[in-house]
Amino acid sequence: MIDIMEEIDKFNKERDWDKFHSVENLAKSISIEAGELLECFQWDNENYDKDEVCEELADVFTYCIQMAMKLKVDPKEIILKKLDKTKKKYPVEKAKGISTKYNKL
């Protein structure tokens, strides 16, 4: 993850783009790119262009990593912390094989 973060940081510094990357702007960009990712499946969720999906997914990841960097948090740490919290909401014995929301298990 560190290598990716360094590459993203270098890319932005070379272009002097960090000044545009407020937390708010990055949150907006994540949402916009997530919408573009969803658009890949708009009319046919079985016959999608995998390369296009991967490009949009990479955009979402990139903005998420930039936001973590701006917030000075470790992506791995916050993901694992949230996963631990989610494990408690969805214990295997209640949630296995079903998609019911945690408050209705």
PDB file of N, CA and C in Angstrom:
ATOM      1  N   MET A   1       0.831  -1.198   0.000  1.00  0.00           N
ATOM      2  CA  MET A   1       0.000   0.000   0.000  1.00  0.00           C
ATOM      3  C   MET A   1       0.873   1.259   0.000  1.00  0.00           C
ATOM      4  N   ILE A   2       2.001   1.189   0.697  1.00  0.00           N
ATOM      5  CA  ILE A   2       2.893   2.353   0.770  1.00  0.00           C
ATOM      6  C   ILE A   2       3.383   2.752  -0.621  1.00  0.00           C
ATOM      7  N   ASP A   3       3.746   1.789  -1.442  1.00  0.00           N
ATOM      8  CA  ASP A   3       4.218   2.091  -2.794  1.00  0.00           C
ATOM      9  C   ASP A   3       3.158   2.819  -3.601  1.00  0.00           C
ATOM     10  N   ILE A   4       1.914   2.362  -3.490  1.00  0.00           N
ATOM     11  CA  ILE A   4       0.819   3.001  -4.220  1.00  0.00           C
ATOM     12  C   ILE A   4       0.623   4.430  -3.726  1.00  0.00           C
ATOM     13  N   MET A   5       0.654   4.607  -2.423  1.00  0.00           N
ATOM     14  CA  MET A   5       0.473   5.940  -1.848  1.00  0.00           C
ATOM     15  C   MET A   5       1.588   6.874  -2.307  1.00  0.00           C
ATOM     16  N   GLU A   6       2.797   6.376  -2.347  1.00  0.00           N
ATOM     17  CA  GLU A   6       3.933   7.180  -2.812  1.00  0.00           C
ATOM     18  C   GLU A   6       3.776   7.556  -4.277  1.00  0.00           C
ATOM     19  N   GLU A   7       3.327   6.618  -5.092  1.00  0.00           N
ATOM     20  CA  GLU A   7       3.125   6.892  -6.525  1.00  0.00           C
ATOM     21  C   GLU A   7       2.040   7.941  -6.745  1.00  0.00           C
ATOM     22  N   ILE A   8       0.944   7.817  -6.009  1.00  0.00           N
ATOM     23  CA  ILE A   8      -0.142   8.793  -6.125  1.00  0.00           C
ATOM     24  C   ILE A   8       0.345  10.168  -5.679  1.00  0.00           C
ATOM     25  N   ASP A   9       1.058  10.216  -4.569  1.00  0.00           N
ATOM     26  CA  ASP A   9       1.595  11.479  -4.059  1.00  0.00           C
ATOM     27  C   ASP A   9       2.540  12.122  -5.074  1.00  0.00           C
ATOM     28  N   LYS A  10       3.426  11.344  -5.634  1.00  0.00           N
ATOM     29  CA  LYS A  10       4.379  11.840  -6.637  1.00  0.00           C
ATOM     30  C   LYS A  10       3.633  12.383  -7.852  1.00  0.00           C
ATOM     31  N   PHE A  11       2.663  11.639  -8.345  1.00  0.00           N
ATOM     32  CA  PHE A  11       1.861  12.039  -9.500  1.00  0.00           C
ATOM     33  C   PHE A  11       1.220  13.404  -9.263  1.00  0.00           C
ATOM     34  N   ASN A  12       0.606  13.575  -8.084  1.00  0.00           N
ATOM     35  CA  ASN A  12      -0.068  14.835  -7.770  1.00  0.00           C
ATOM     36  C   ASN A  12       0.909  15.985  -7.571  1.00  0.00           C
ATOM     37  N   LYS A  13       2.028  15.719  -6.922  1.00  0.00           N
ATOM     38  CA  LYS A  13       3.025  16.779  -6.706  1.00  0.00           C
ATOM     39  C   LYS A  13       3.624  17.253  -8.018  1.00  0.00           C
ATOM     40  N   GLU A  14       3.893  16.336  -8.934  1.00  0.00           N
ATOM     41  CA  GLU A  14       4.454  16.713 -10.233  1.00  0.00           C
ATOM     42  C   GLU A  14       3.516  17.650 -10.992  1.00  0.00           C
ATOM     43  N   ARG A  15       2.232  17.515 -10.768  1.00  0.00           N
ATOM     44  CA  ARG A  15       1.240  18.319 -11.479  1.00  0.00           C
ATOM     45  C   ARG A  15       0.699  19.477 -10.634  1.00  0.00           C
ATOM     46  N   ASP A  16       1.155  19.591  -9.399  1.00  0.00           N
ATOM     47  CA  ASP A  16       0.682  20.607  -8.456  1.00  0.00           C
ATOM     48  C   ASP A  16      -0.834  20.541  -8.286  1.00  0.00           C
ATOM     49  N   TRP A  17      -1.343  19.336  -8.107  1.00  0.00           N
ATOM     50  CA  TRP A  17      -2.778  19.125  -7.980  1.00  0.00           C
ATOM     51  C   TRP A  17      -3.247  19.000  -6.541  1.00  0.00           C
ATOM     52  N   ASP A  18      -2.335  18.861  -5.600  1.00  0.00           N
ATOM     53  CA  ASP A  18      -2.753  18.651  -4.212  1.00  0.00           C
ATOM     54  C   ASP A  18      -3.633  19.792  -3.708  1.00  0.00           C
ATOM     55  N   LYS A  19      -3.425  20.987  -4.229  1.00  0.00           N
ATOM     56  CA  LYS A  19      -4.218  22.139  -3.785  1.00  0.00           C
ATOM     57  C   LYS A  19      -5.710  21.978  -4.104  1.00  0.00           C
ATOM     58  N   PHE A  20      -6.033  21.073  -5.027  1.00  0.00           N
ATOM     59  CA  PHE A  20      -7.433  20.834  -5.381  1.00  0.00           C
ATOM     60  C   PHE A  20      -8.053  19.702  -4.556  1.00  0.00           C
ATOM     61  N   HIS A  21      -7.218  18.999  -3.790  1.00  0.00           N
ATOM     62  CA  HIS A  21      -7.665  17.791  -3.113  1.00  0.00           C
ATOM     63  C   HIS A  21      -8.019  18.018  -1.645  1.00  0.00           C
ATOM     64  N   SER A  22      -9.032  18.829  -1.437  1.00  0.00           N
ATOM     65  CA  SER A  22      -9.571  18.965  -0.081  1.00  0.00           C
ATOM     66  C   SER A  22     -10.319  17.669   0.238  1.00  0.00           C
ATOM     67  N   VAL A  23     -10.564  17.423   1.507  1.00  0.00           N
ATOM     68  CA  VAL A  23     -11.316  16.228   1.896  1.00  0.00           C
ATOM     69  C   VAL A  23     -12.686  16.243   1.221  1.00  0.00           C
ATOM     70  N   GLU A  24     -13.327  17.399   1.199  1.00  0.00           N
ATOM     71  CA  GLU A  24     -14.645  17.513   0.570  1.00  0.00           C
ATOM     72  C   GLU A  24     -14.579  17.186  -0.921  1.00  0.00           C
ATOM     73  N   ASN A  25     -13.598  17.746  -1.633  1.00  0.00           N
ATOM     74  CA  ASN A  25     -13.480  17.478  -3.063  1.00  0.00           C
ATOM     75  C   ASN A  25     -13.178  16.010  -3.339  1.00  0.00           C
ATOM     76  N   LEU A  26     -12.371  15.401  -2.488  1.00  0.00           N
ATOM     77  CA  LEU A  26     -12.068  13.982  -2.660  1.00  0.00           C
ATOM     78  C   LEU A  26     -13.305  13.130  -2.413  1.00  0.00           C
ATOM     79  N   ALA A  27     -14.107  13.484  -1.422  1.00  0.00           N
ATOM     80  CA  ALA A  27     -15.359  12.751  -1.165  1.00  0.00           C
ATOM     81  C   ALA A  27     -16.289  12.865  -2.379  1.00  0.00           C
ATOM     82  N   LYS A  28     -16.372  14.053  -2.947  1.00  0.00           N
ATOM     83  CA  LYS A  28     -17.195  14.246  -4.151  1.00  0.00           C
ATOM     84  C   LYS A  28     -16.660  13.383  -5.295  1.00  0.00           C
ATOM     85  N   SER A  29     -15.350  13.383  -5.456  1.00  0.00           N
ATOM     86  CA  SER A  29     -14.741  12.617  -6.543  1.00  0.00           C
ATOM     87  C   SER A  29     -14.970  11.124  -6.377  1.00  0.00           C
ATOM     88  N   ILE A  30     -14.925  10.638  -5.147  1.00  0.00           N
ATOM     89  CA  ILE A  30     -15.209   9.215  -4.890  1.00  0.00           C
ATOM     90  C   ILE A  30     -16.627   8.892  -5.348  1.00  0.00           C
ATOM     91  N   SER A  31     -17.561   9.741  -4.983  1.00  0.00           N
ATOM     92  CA  SER A  31     -18.957   9.513  -5.349  1.00  0.00           C
ATOM     93  C   SER A  31     -19.149   9.562  -6.864  1.00  0.00           C
ATOM     94  N   ILE A  32     -18.536  10.521  -7.508  1.00  0.00           N
ATOM     95  CA  ILE A  32     -18.647  10.660  -8.963  1.00  0.00           C
ATOM     96  C   ILE A  32     -18.071   9.423  -9.660  1.00  0.00           C
ATOM     97  N   GLU A  33     -16.885   9.001  -9.230  1.00  0.00           N
ATOM     98  CA  GLU A  33     -16.253   7.839  -9.849  1.00  0.00           C
ATOM     99  C   GLU A  33     -17.028   6.561  -9.548  1.00  0.00           C
ATOM    100  N   ALA A  34     -17.621   6.465  -8.364  1.00  0.00           N
ATOM    101  CA  ALA A  34     -18.448   5.294  -8.038  1.00  0.00           C
ATOM    102  C   ALA A  34     -19.673   5.252  -8.960  1.00  0.00           C
ATOM    103  N   GLY A  35     -20.216   6.413  -9.275  1.00  0.00           N
ATOM    104  CA  GLY A  35     -21.325   6.485 -10.230  1.00  0.00           C
ATOM    105  C   GLY A  35     -20.898   6.018 -11.615  1.00  0.00           C
ATOM    106  N   GLU A  36     -19.682   6.386 -12.026  1.00  0.00           N
ATOM    107  CA  GLU A  36     -19.164   5.940 -13.317  1.00  0.00           C
ATOM    108  C   GLU A  36     -18.929   4.431 -13.314  1.00  0.00           C
ATOM    109  N   LEU A  37     -18.508   3.896 -12.185  1.00  0.00           N
ATOM    110  CA  LEU A  37     -18.344   2.451 -12.053  1.00  0.00           C
ATOM    111  C   LEU A  37     -19.703   1.762 -12.194  1.00  0.00           C
ATOM    112  N   LEU A  38     -20.697   2.273 -11.531  1.00  0.00           N
ATOM    113  CA  LEU A  38     -22.044   1.707 -11.612  1.00  0.00           C
ATOM    114  C   LEU A  38     -22.597   1.790 -13.036  1.00  0.00           C
ATOM    115  N   GLU A  39     -22.247   2.855 -13.739  1.00  0.00           N
ATOM    116  CA  GLU A  39     -22.715   3.034 -15.113  1.00  0.00           C
ATOM    117  C   GLU A  39     -22.266   1.896 -16.026  1.00  0.00           C
ATOM    118  N   CYS A  40     -21.152   1.264 -15.695  1.00  0.00           N
ATOM    119  CA  CYS A  40     -20.656   0.131 -16.491  1.00  0.00           C
ATOM    120  C   CYS A  40     -21.671  -1.010 -16.539  1.00  0.00           C
ATOM    121  N   PHE A  41     -22.575  -1.062 -15.574  1.00  0.00           N
ATOM    122  CA  PHE A  41     -23.558  -2.137 -15.476  1.00  0.00           C
ATOM    123  C   PHE A  41     -24.983  -1.647 -15.731  1.00  0.00           C
ATOM    124  N   GLN A  42     -25.118  -0.429 -16.244  1.00  0.00           N
ATOM    125  CA  GLN A  42     -26.421   0.225 -16.307  1.00  0.00           C
ATOM    126  C   GLN A  42     -27.501  -0.597 -17.005  1.00  0.00           C
ATOM    127  N   TRP A  43     -27.248  -1.096 -18.172  1.00  0.00           N
ATOM    128  CA  TRP A  43     -28.307  -1.774 -18.919  1.00  0.00           C
ATOM    129  C   TRP A  43     -28.106  -3.276 -19.046  1.00  0.00           C
ATOM    130  N   ASP A  44     -26.946  -3.750 -18.645  1.00  0.00           N
ATOM    131  CA  ASP A  44     -26.677  -5.178 -18.781  1.00  0.00           C
ATOM    132  C   ASP A  44     -25.629  -5.577 -17.755  1.00  0.00           C
ATOM    133  N   ASN A  45     -26.051  -6.234 -16.709  1.00  0.00           N
ATOM    134  CA  ASN A  45     -25.118  -6.574 -15.638  1.00  0.00           C
ATOM    135  C   ASN A  45     -24.340  -7.864 -15.909  1.00  0.00           C
ATOM    136  N   GLU A  46     -24.551  -8.471 -17.058  1.00  0.00           N
ATOM    137  CA  GLU A  46     -23.826  -9.689 -17.396  1.00  0.00           C
ATOM    138  C   GLU A  46     -22.788  -9.480 -18.484  1.00  0.00           C
ATOM    139  N   ASN A  47     -23.027  -8.537 -19.377  1.00  0.00           N
ATOM    140  CA  ASN A  47     -22.119  -8.296 -20.503  1.00  0.00           C
ATOM    141  C   ASN A  47     -21.449  -6.931 -20.369  1.00  0.00           C
ATOM    142  N   TYR A  48     -20.581  -6.829 -19.388  1.00  0.00           N
ATOM    143  CA  TYR A  48     -19.881  -5.575 -19.142  1.00  0.00           C
ATOM    144  C   TYR A  48     -18.444  -5.680 -19.661  1.00  0.00           C
ATOM    145  N   ASP A  49     -17.839  -4.522 -19.848  1.00  0.00           N
ATOM    146  CA  ASP A  49     -16.453  -4.444 -20.302  1.00  0.00           C
ATOM    147  C   ASP A  49     -15.548  -4.461 -19.071  1.00  0.00           C
ATOM    148  N   LYS A  50     -14.881  -5.576 -18.839  1.00  0.00           N
ATOM    149  CA  LYS A  50     -14.068  -5.733 -17.630  1.00  0.00           C
ATOM    150  C   LYS A  50     -12.961  -4.687 -17.552  1.00  0.00           C
ATOM    151  N   ASP A  51     -12.351  -4.341 -18.680  1.00  0.00           N
ATOM    152  CA  ASP A  51     -11.290  -3.317 -18.676  1.00  0.00           C
ATOM    153  C   ASP A  51     -11.843  -1.970 -18.217  1.00  0.00           C
ATOM    154  N   GLU A  52     -13.023  -1.633 -18.705  1.00  0.00           N
ATOM    155  CA  GLU A  52     -13.662  -0.368 -18.303  1.00  0.00           C
ATOM    156  C   GLU A  52     -14.006  -0.394 -16.816  1.00  0.00           C
ATOM    157  N   VAL A  53     -14.518  -1.514 -16.335  1.00  0.00           N
ATOM    158  CA  VAL A  53     -14.844  -1.665 -14.918  1.00  0.00           C
ATOM    159  C   VAL A  53     -13.581  -1.486 -14.074  1.00  0.00           C
ATOM    160  N   CYS A  54     -12.484  -2.103 -14.493  1.00  0.00           N
ATOM    161  CA  CYS A  54     -11.230  -1.994 -13.748  1.00  0.00           C
ATOM    162  C   CYS A  54     -10.701  -0.564 -13.730  1.00  0.00           C
ATOM    163  N   GLU A  55     -10.854   0.160 -14.835  1.00  0.00           N
ATOM    164  CA  GLU A  55     -10.415   1.559 -14.859  1.00  0.00           C
ATOM    165  C   GLU A  55     -11.220   2.408 -13.892  1.00  0.00           C
ATOM    166  N   GLU A  56     -12.524   2.226 -13.875  1.00  0.00           N
ATOM    167  CA  GLU A  56     -13.369   2.998 -12.956  1.00  0.00           C
ATOM    168  C   GLU A  56     -13.103   2.591 -11.506  1.00  0.00           C
ATOM    169  N   LEU A  57     -12.905   1.306 -11.268  1.00  0.00           N
ATOM    170  CA  LEU A  57     -12.578   0.838  -9.927  1.00  0.00           C
ATOM    171  C   LEU A  57     -11.257   1.434  -9.455  1.00  0.00           C
ATOM    172  N   ALA A  58     -10.287   1.505 -10.353  1.00  0.00           N
ATOM    173  CA  ALA A  58      -8.998   2.115 -10.013  1.00  0.00           C
ATOM    174  C   ALA A  58      -9.176   3.591  -9.650  1.00  0.00           C
ATOM    175  N   ASP A  59     -10.044   4.294 -10.370  1.00  0.00           N
ATOM    176  CA  ASP A  59     -10.308   5.699 -10.033  1.00  0.00           C
ATOM    177  C   ASP A  59     -10.889   5.822  -8.625  1.00  0.00           C
ATOM    178  N   VAL A  60     -11.838   4.951  -8.288  1.00  0.00           N
ATOM    179  CA  VAL A  60     -12.433   4.980  -6.950  1.00  0.00           C
ATOM    180  C   VAL A  60     -11.362   4.716  -5.894  1.00  0.00           C
ATOM    181  N   PHE A  61     -10.566   3.666  -6.103  1.00  0.00           N
ATOM    182  CA  PHE A  61      -9.482   3.346  -5.155  1.00  0.00           C
ATOM    183  C   PHE A  61      -8.518   4.525  -5.008  1.00  0.00           C
ATOM    184  N   THR A  62      -8.151   5.131  -6.125  1.00  0.00           N
ATOM    185  CA  THR A  62      -7.184   6.228  -6.095  1.00  0.00           C
ATOM    186  C   THR A  62      -7.696   7.386  -5.245  1.00  0.00           C
ATOM    187  N   TYR A  63      -8.941   7.779  -5.457  1.00  0.00           N
ATOM    188  CA  TYR A  63      -9.488   8.879  -4.663  1.00  0.00           C
ATOM    189  C   TYR A  63      -9.647   8.487  -3.192  1.00  0.00           C
ATOM    190  N   CYS A  64      -9.992   7.231  -2.929  1.00  0.00           N
ATOM    191  CA  CYS A  64     -10.094   6.775  -1.536  1.00  0.00           C
ATOM    192  C   CYS A  64      -8.730   6.831  -0.849  1.00  0.00           C
ATOM    193  N   ILE A  65      -7.708   6.396  -1.551  1.00  0.00           N
ATOM    194  CA  ILE A  65      -6.350   6.442  -0.988  1.00  0.00           C
ATOM    195  C   ILE A  65      -5.926   7.886  -0.763  1.00  0.00           C
ATOM    196  N   GLN A  66      -6.234   8.758  -1.714  1.00  0.00           N
ATOM    197  CA  GLN A  66      -5.893  10.174  -1.537  1.00  0.00           C
ATOM    198  C   GLN A  66      -6.600  10.764  -0.334  1.00  0.00           C
ATOM    199  N   MET A  67      -7.844  10.374  -0.123  1.00  0.00           N
ATOM    200  CA  MET A  67      -8.588  10.890   1.020  1.00  0.00           C
ATOM    201  C   MET A  67      -7.967  10.397   2.321  1.00  0.00           C
ATOM    202  N   ALA A  68      -7.582   9.131   2.351  1.00  0.00           N
ATOM    203  CA  ALA A  68      -6.911   8.594   3.545  1.00  0.00           C
ATOM    204  C   ALA A  68      -5.618   9.350   3.810  1.00  0.00           C
ATOM    205  N   MET A  69      -4.870   9.641   2.756  1.00  0.00           N
ATOM    206  CA  MET A  69      -3.619  10.389   2.908  1.00  0.00           C
ATOM    207  C   MET A  69      -3.903  11.787   3.452  1.00  0.00           C
ATOM    208  N   LYS A  70      -4.918  12.435   2.923  1.00  0.00           N
ATOM    209  CA  LYS A  70      -5.276  13.787   3.372  1.00  0.00           C
ATOM    210  C   LYS A  70      -5.695  13.776   4.842  1.00  0.00           C
ATOM    211  N   LEU A  71      -6.390  12.718   5.248  1.00  0.00           N
ATOM    212  CA  LEU A  71      -6.836  12.588   6.638  1.00  0.00           C
ATOM    213  C   LEU A  71      -5.739  12.047   7.560  1.00  0.00           C
ATOM    214  N   LYS A  72      -4.613  11.677   6.952  1.00  0.00           N
ATOM    215  CA  LYS A  72      -3.475  11.117   7.690  1.00  0.00           C
ATOM    216  C   LYS A  72      -3.873   9.847   8.459  1.00  0.00           C
ATOM    217  N   VAL A  73      -4.564   8.956   7.741  1.00  0.00           N
ATOM    218  CA  VAL A  73      -4.933   7.663   8.307  1.00  0.00           C
ATOM    219  C   VAL A  73      -4.397   6.558   7.406  1.00  0.00           C
ATOM    220  N   ASP A  74      -4.135   5.416   8.003  1.00  0.00           N
ATOM    221  CA  ASP A  74      -3.638   4.254   7.277  1.00  0.00           C
ATOM    222  C   ASP A  74      -4.837   3.475   6.729  1.00  0.00           C
ATOM    223  N   PRO A  75      -4.946   3.352   5.394  1.00  0.00           N
ATOM    224  CA  PRO A  75      -6.097   2.637   4.828  1.00  0.00           C
ATOM    225  C   PRO A  75      -6.260   1.229   5.394  1.00  0.00           C
ATOM    226  N   LYS A  76      -5.176   0.494   5.514  1.00  0.00           N
ATOM    227  CA  LYS A  76      -5.254  -0.870   6.040  1.00  0.00           C
ATOM    228  C   LYS A  76      -5.821  -0.872   7.457  1.00  0.00           C
ATOM    229  N   GLU A  77      -5.354   0.053   8.264  1.00  0.00           N
ATOM    230  CA  GLU A  77      -5.799   0.130   9.660  1.00  0.00           C
ATOM    231  C   GLU A  77      -7.289   0.430   9.763  1.00  0.00           C
ATOM    232  N   ILE A  78      -7.767   1.390   8.994  1.00  0.00           N
ATOM    233  CA  ILE A  78      -9.184   1.750   9.103  1.00  0.00           C
ATOM    234  C   ILE A  78     -10.083   0.674   8.495  1.00  0.00           C
ATOM    235  N   ILE A  79      -9.600  -0.010   7.459  1.00  0.00           N
ATOM    236  CA  ILE A  79     -10.382  -1.099   6.868  1.00  0.00           C
ATOM    237  C   ILE A  79     -10.507  -2.250   7.860  1.00  0.00           C
ATOM    238  N   LEU A  80      -9.402  -2.632   8.490  1.00  0.00           N
ATOM    239  CA  LEU A  80      -9.438  -3.732   9.455  1.00  0.00           C
ATOM    240  C   LEU A  80     -10.289  -3.381  10.677  1.00  0.00           C
ATOM    241  N   LYS A  81     -10.215  -2.121  11.114  1.00  0.00           N
ATOM    242  CA  LYS A  81     -11.030  -1.679  12.246  1.00  0.00           C
ATOM    243  C   LYS A  81     -12.517  -1.781  11.906  1.00  0.00           C
ATOM    244  N   LYS A  82     -12.882  -1.344  10.722  1.00  0.00           N
ATOM    245  CA  LYS A  82     -14.280  -1.405  10.294  1.00  0.00           C
ATOM    246  C   LYS A  82     -14.724  -2.851  10.094  1.00  0.00           C
ATOM    247  N   LEU A  83     -13.843  -3.690   9.538  1.00  0.00           N
ATOM    248  CA  LEU A  83     -14.172  -5.099   9.355  1.00  0.00           C
ATOM    249  C   LEU A  83     -14.452  -5.770  10.696  1.00  0.00           C
ATOM    250  N   ASP A  84     -13.654  -5.441  11.706  1.00  0.00           N
ATOM    251  CA  ASP A  84     -13.878  -5.996  13.039  1.00  0.00           C
ATOM    252  C   ASP A  84     -15.255  -5.589  13.583  1.00  0.00           C
ATOM    253  N   LYS A  85     -15.596  -4.331  13.381  1.00  0.00           N
ATOM    254  CA  LYS A  85     -16.910  -3.834  13.822  1.00  0.00           C
ATOM    255  C   LYS A  85     -18.034  -4.551  13.068  1.00  0.00           C
ATOM    256  N   THR A  86     -17.847  -4.758  11.779  1.00  0.00           N
ATOM    257  CA  THR A  86     -18.856  -5.410  10.951  1.00  0.00           C
ATOM    258  C   THR A  86     -19.006  -6.886  11.318  1.00  0.00           C
ATOM    259  N   LYS A  87     -17.909  -7.534  11.684  1.00  0.00           N
ATOM    260  CA  LYS A  87     -17.976  -8.933  12.132  1.00  0.00           C
ATOM    261  C   LYS A  87     -18.897  -9.068  13.332  1.00  0.00           C
ATOM    262  N   LYS A  88     -18.872  -8.085  14.214  1.00  0.00           N
ATOM    263  CA  LYS A  88     -19.717  -8.118  15.403  1.00  0.00           C
ATOM    264  C   LYS A  88     -21.191  -7.900  15.046  1.00  0.00           C
ATOM    265  N   LYS A  89     -21.438  -7.068  14.025  1.00  0.00           N
ATOM    266  CA  LYS A  89     -22.815  -6.827  13.587  1.00  0.00           C
ATOM    267  C   LYS A  89     -23.387  -8.043  12.873  1.00  0.00           C
ATOM    268  N   TYR A  90     -22.518  -8.768  12.170  1.00  0.00           N
ATOM    269  CA  TYR A  90     -22.937  -9.902  11.359  1.00  0.00           C
ATOM    270  C   TYR A  90     -22.217 -11.176  11.780  1.00  0.00           C
ATOM    271  N   PRO A  91     -22.553 -11.724  12.955  1.00  0.00           N
ATOM    272  CA  PRO A  91     -21.899 -12.960  13.378  1.00  0.00           C
ATOM    273  C   PRO A  91     -22.230 -14.095  12.398  1.00  0.00           C
ATOM    274  N   VAL A  92     -21.250 -14.940  12.155  1.00  0.00           N
ATOM    275  CA  VAL A  92     -21.397 -16.020  11.175  1.00  0.00           C
ATOM    276  C   VAL A  92     -22.652 -16.847  11.440  1.00  0.00           C
ATOM    277  N   GLU A  93     -22.893 -17.185  12.692  1.00  0.00           N
ATOM    278  CA  GLU A  93     -24.027 -18.057  13.019  1.00  0.00           C
ATOM    279  C   GLU A  93     -25.388 -17.438  12.683  1.00  0.00           C
ATOM    280  N   LYS A  94     -25.456 -16.114  12.555  1.00  0.00           N
ATOM    281  CA  LYS A  94     -26.716 -15.459  12.199  1.00  0.00           C
ATOM    282  C   LYS A  94     -26.749 -14.991  10.741  1.00  0.00           C
ATOM    283  N   ALA A  95     -25.598 -14.675  10.171  1.00  0.00           N
ATOM    284  CA  ALA A  95     -25.567 -14.010   8.875  1.00  0.00           C
ATOM    285  C   ALA A  95     -25.131 -14.891   7.705  1.00  0.00           C
ATOM    286  N   LYS A  96     -24.652 -16.066   7.970  1.00  0.00           N
ATOM    287  CA  LYS A  96     -24.106 -16.905   6.901  1.00  0.00           C
ATOM    288  C   LYS A  96     -25.163 -17.226   5.843  1.00  0.00           C
ATOM    289  N   GLY A  97     -24.843 -16.856   4.609  1.00  0.00           N
ATOM    290  CA  GLY A  97     -25.692 -17.193   3.477  1.00  0.00           C
ATOM    291  C   GLY A  97     -26.928 -16.331   3.276  1.00  0.00           C
ATOM    292  N   ILE A  98     -27.084 -15.290   4.096  1.00  0.00           N
ATOM    293  CA  ILE A  98     -28.233 -14.401   3.933  1.00  0.00           C
ATOM    294  C   ILE A  98     -27.764 -12.952   3.858  1.00  0.00           C
ATOM    295  N   SER A  99     -28.600 -12.111   3.270  1.00  0.00           N
ATOM    296  CA  SER A  99     -28.219 -10.707   3.105  1.00  0.00           C
ATOM    297  C   SER A  99     -29.059  -9.761   3.952  1.00  0.00           C
ATOM    298  N   THR A 100     -29.696 -10.285   4.962  1.00  0.00           N
ATOM    299  CA  THR A 100     -30.526  -9.477   5.854  1.00  0.00           C
ATOM    300  C   THR A 100     -29.673  -8.441   6.585  1.00  0.00           C
ATOM    301  N   LYS A 101     -30.210  -7.233   6.726  1.00  0.00           N
ATOM    302  CA  LYS A 101     -29.494  -6.203   7.462  1.00  0.00           C
ATOM    303  C   LYS A 101     -29.321  -6.622   8.923  1.00  0.00           C
ATOM    304  N   TYR A 102     -28.204  -6.181   9.507  1.00  0.00           N
ATOM    305  CA  TYR A 102     -27.832  -6.607  10.866  1.00  0.00           C
ATOM    306  C   TYR A 102     -28.926  -6.389  11.908  1.00  0.00           C
ATOM    307  N   ASN A 103     -29.690  -5.329  11.785  1.00  0.00           N
ATOM    308  CA  ASN A 103     -30.707  -5.038  12.802  1.00  0.00           C
ATOM    309  C   ASN A 103     -31.966  -5.897  12.640  1.00  0.00           C
ATOM    310  N   LYS A 104     -31.964  -6.770  11.630  1.00  0.00           N
ATOM    311  CA  LYS A 104     -33.108  -7.664  11.418  1.00  0.00           C
ATOM    312  C   LYS A 104     -32.702  -9.129  11.474  1.00  0.00           C
ATOM    313  N   LEU A 105     -31.472  -9.396  11.906  1.00  0.00           N
ATOM    314  CA  LEU A 105     -31.014 -10.788  12.024  1.00  0.00           C
ATOM    315  C   LEU A 105     -31.676 -11.473  13.192  1.00  0.00           C
TER     316      LEU A 105
END
